Protein backbone atom coordinates (compact mmCIF):
# COMPACT_ATOMS: atom_id res chain seq x y z
CA MET A 1 102.68 110.69 34.54
CA ILE A 2 105.16 112.44 32.23
CA ASP A 3 103.53 110.76 29.20
CA ALA A 4 100.11 112.11 30.21
CA LEU A 5 101.55 115.62 30.66
CA LEU A 6 103.27 115.45 27.27
CA VAL A 7 100.09 114.25 25.53
CA SER A 8 97.96 116.97 27.16
CA ASN A 9 100.53 119.64 26.21
CA VAL A 10 100.55 118.49 22.57
CA LEU A 11 96.73 118.46 22.49
CA LEU A 12 96.57 121.97 23.95
CA TRP A 13 99.03 123.27 21.35
CA LEU A 14 97.01 121.66 18.57
CA LEU A 15 93.91 123.34 19.98
CA VAL A 16 95.67 126.75 20.08
CA VAL A 17 96.82 126.35 16.46
CA GLY A 18 93.30 125.31 15.44
CA LEU A 19 91.81 128.36 17.16
CA ALA A 20 94.36 130.64 15.49
CA LEU A 21 93.46 129.22 12.06
CA THR A 22 89.75 129.70 12.85
CA VAL A 23 90.34 133.36 13.77
CA VAL A 24 92.29 133.92 10.53
CA ALA A 25 89.49 132.30 8.50
CA LEU A 26 86.82 134.39 10.25
CA THR A 27 88.83 137.58 9.71
CA ARG A 28 89.06 136.78 6.01
CA GLN A 29 85.31 136.15 5.80
CA ILE A 30 84.54 139.42 7.58
CA GLY A 31 86.77 141.23 5.10
CA LEU A 32 84.94 139.62 2.17
CA LEU A 33 81.55 140.52 3.63
CA HIS A 34 82.68 144.09 4.20
CA GLU A 35 83.65 144.39 0.52
CA ARG A 36 80.31 142.97 -0.66
CA ILE A 37 78.16 145.24 1.48
CA SER A 38 77.73 148.61 -0.21
CA PRO A 39 77.68 151.81 1.82
CA VAL A 40 74.31 152.96 3.03
CA GLY A 41 73.39 156.59 2.68
CA ALA A 42 70.75 158.64 4.43
CA LEU A 43 67.53 156.68 4.83
CA SER A 44 64.72 158.27 2.82
CA PRO A 45 61.30 157.61 4.32
CA GLN A 46 58.14 158.87 2.63
CA SER A 47 58.21 162.64 2.64
CA LYS A 48 55.89 165.45 1.59
CA VAL A 49 58.70 167.02 -0.41
CA GLU A 50 60.60 164.85 -2.88
CA VAL A 51 64.15 165.29 -4.10
CA GLY A 52 64.01 167.60 -7.13
CA ASP A 53 60.97 169.53 -5.84
CA ALA A 54 61.16 173.20 -4.96
CA ALA A 55 61.88 173.56 -1.26
CA PRO A 56 58.97 175.11 0.65
CA GLU A 57 59.68 178.80 1.24
CA LEU A 58 59.34 180.11 4.77
CA ALA A 59 60.38 183.39 6.40
CA LEU A 60 61.17 182.71 10.07
CA LEU A 61 63.02 184.17 13.04
CA ASP A 62 65.65 182.08 14.77
CA LEU A 63 66.00 181.88 18.57
CA HIS A 64 68.34 184.88 18.46
CA ASP A 65 65.64 186.94 16.64
CA ARG A 66 67.57 186.94 13.38
CA PRO A 67 65.42 186.73 10.22
CA LEU A 68 65.87 183.60 8.10
CA GLN A 69 64.62 182.83 4.63
CA ILE A 70 64.36 179.10 4.00
CA GLY A 71 63.82 177.89 0.44
CA GLY A 72 63.88 179.95 -2.72
CA VAL A 73 66.88 180.92 -4.83
CA SER A 74 69.97 181.68 -2.76
CA GLU A 75 71.20 185.25 -3.27
CA ASP A 76 74.77 184.37 -2.30
CA GLU A 77 74.78 181.01 -4.12
CA THR A 78 75.05 178.90 -0.99
CA ARG A 79 73.36 175.61 -0.31
CA THR A 80 71.28 175.16 2.84
CA LEU A 81 71.38 172.17 5.16
CA LEU A 82 68.32 171.95 7.40
CA PHE A 83 69.17 169.72 10.34
CA PHE A 84 66.11 168.72 12.36
CA LEU A 85 67.02 167.76 15.93
CA SER A 86 65.82 167.62 19.51
CA PRO A 87 67.66 168.38 22.77
CA THR A 88 66.50 164.99 24.07
CA CYS A 89 67.83 163.05 21.07
CA PRO A 90 71.25 161.48 21.87
CA VAL A 91 71.96 160.68 18.20
CA CYS A 92 71.31 164.33 17.30
CA GLU A 93 73.87 165.40 19.91
CA THR A 94 76.54 163.06 18.55
CA LEU A 95 76.02 164.45 15.02
CA LEU A 96 76.35 168.13 16.01
CA PRO A 97 80.17 168.21 15.61
CA THR A 98 79.79 166.77 12.10
CA VAL A 99 77.12 169.34 11.25
CA GLU A 100 79.42 172.12 12.48
CA ARG A 101 82.31 170.71 10.43
CA VAL A 102 80.09 170.68 7.34
CA ALA A 103 79.24 174.35 7.94
CA ARG A 104 82.96 175.21 8.10
CA THR A 105 84.49 173.00 5.41
CA GLU A 106 82.01 172.01 2.71
CA VAL A 107 82.75 173.53 -0.71
CA PRO A 108 80.78 175.19 -2.17
CA ARG A 109 79.67 176.81 1.05
CA VAL A 110 76.75 175.45 3.06
CA ARG A 111 74.50 177.45 5.35
CA VAL A 112 73.47 175.20 8.23
CA ILE A 113 70.14 175.81 9.97
CA LEU A 114 69.22 173.78 13.04
CA ALA A 115 65.47 173.20 13.33
CA SER A 116 63.23 171.88 16.07
CA ASP A 117 60.07 172.70 17.97
CA GLY A 118 59.07 172.92 21.61
CA ALA A 119 59.71 175.21 24.55
CA PRO A 120 62.25 177.98 23.75
CA GLU A 121 63.83 177.80 27.24
CA GLU A 122 64.79 174.15 26.76
CA HIS A 123 66.37 174.92 23.40
CA ARG A 124 68.23 177.99 24.68
CA ALA A 125 69.73 175.83 27.44
CA PHE A 126 70.69 173.23 24.81
CA ILE A 127 72.33 175.92 22.65
CA ALA A 128 74.34 177.20 25.62
CA LYS A 129 75.35 173.69 26.70
CA LYS A 130 76.50 172.67 23.21
CA ARG A 131 78.00 176.11 22.39
CA ILE A 132 76.21 176.39 19.06
CA LYS A 133 75.00 180.00 19.28
CA HIS A 134 76.82 180.75 16.01
CA LEU A 135 74.41 178.47 14.09
CA PRO A 136 70.87 179.65 13.26
CA TYR A 137 68.40 177.67 15.41
CA VAL A 138 64.73 177.77 14.41
CA LEU A 139 61.74 176.60 16.45
CA SER A 140 58.93 175.90 14.01
CA ALA A 141 56.50 173.00 13.96
CA GLN A 142 55.32 174.31 10.59
CA LEU A 143 58.80 173.85 9.10
CA GLY A 144 58.92 170.19 10.12
CA MET A 145 55.40 169.59 8.81
CA ARG A 146 56.13 171.26 5.45
CA TYR A 147 59.09 168.93 4.93
CA GLY A 148 57.27 165.87 6.30
CA VAL A 149 59.75 165.21 9.11
CA ALA A 150 58.51 162.26 11.17
CA LYS A 151 61.70 160.99 12.84
CA LEU A 152 64.90 162.57 14.09
CA PRO A 153 67.62 163.33 13.27
CA TYR A 154 66.53 164.36 9.78
CA ALA A 155 68.36 166.51 7.26
CA VAL A 156 67.37 168.28 4.06
CA LEU A 157 69.95 169.66 1.62
CA ILE A 158 68.61 172.54 -0.49
CA ASP A 159 70.68 173.59 -3.50
CA GLU A 160 71.46 177.13 -4.67
CA ALA A 161 68.34 177.21 -6.87
CA GLY A 162 66.04 176.41 -3.94
CA MET A 163 65.44 172.79 -4.95
CA VAL A 164 65.62 169.83 -2.56
CA ALA A 165 68.91 168.14 -3.54
CA ALA A 166 68.86 165.31 -0.97
CA GLN A 167 67.13 164.41 2.28
CA GLY A 168 66.66 161.65 4.80
CA LEU A 169 67.21 160.26 8.27
CA VAL A 170 70.82 160.79 9.28
CA ASN A 171 71.82 158.51 12.14
CA THR A 172 75.56 158.60 11.44
CA ARG A 173 78.24 160.85 10.00
CA GLU A 174 78.21 158.72 6.86
CA HIS A 175 74.47 159.28 6.40
CA LEU A 176 74.96 163.04 6.65
CA GLU A 177 77.88 163.04 4.23
CA SER A 178 75.89 160.86 1.80
CA LEU A 179 73.50 163.79 1.24
CA PHE A 180 76.36 165.80 -0.27
CA GLU A 181 77.61 162.80 -2.26
CA ALA A 182 74.12 162.24 -3.67
CA GLN A 183 74.00 165.87 -4.80
CA ARG A 184 77.46 165.63 -6.37
CA HIS A 185 76.35 162.61 -8.39
CA GLY A 186 72.99 164.15 -9.30
CA VAL A 187 70.90 161.41 -7.71
CA ALA A 188 68.27 161.31 -4.96
CA SER A 189 70.32 158.99 -2.75
CA ILE A 190 73.53 157.01 -2.64
CA GLN A 191 71.45 153.83 -2.96
CA GLN A 192 70.08 155.08 -6.29
CA TYR A 193 73.60 155.88 -7.48
CA LEU A 194 74.84 152.38 -6.57
CA GLU A 195 71.83 150.75 -8.26
CA GLU A 196 72.43 152.72 -11.48
CA LYS A 197 76.15 151.92 -11.37
CA ALA A 198 75.42 148.18 -10.95
CA LYS A 199 73.26 148.07 -14.11
């Protein structure tokens, strides 16, 4: 009886050591895979406006009846981030704190404009719930159509000269930040930058 207990104990310890070695090996492999996989920036689906094109110019009123000029040369040399969202989009909601942080901290300064379409009452309730009254919020189906927005959340970065600097679907904080990185490197997307660097 004692021999059987001793043998089973030894076998169990060998099994535990084997499992520990397997976990260490898997952890190492995950680390190697993580190093090999390059970061993914904002996804750029087909759009009516390409990076490098002049941003469509529109004069609109936001939900607070403040006039907004979108596109064209910036008088105060600020960039513009158009963030297309919907009150019913959970991903859009999770990105709002990042969008607000960008508005506060990005250098040179960025003017953030939230854009959507639909019933004004629904959007006013969303603005109150999320406490984003300080950000311009535009309801314009025409704006989304001019930029070729098909899926949300979508962002367009317009430089000081009124040119589209970067754009794409932004499902994560990293996607949103990749728009600014793409502009800093003078490329349409982070993917293009990585491809050029690999050559």
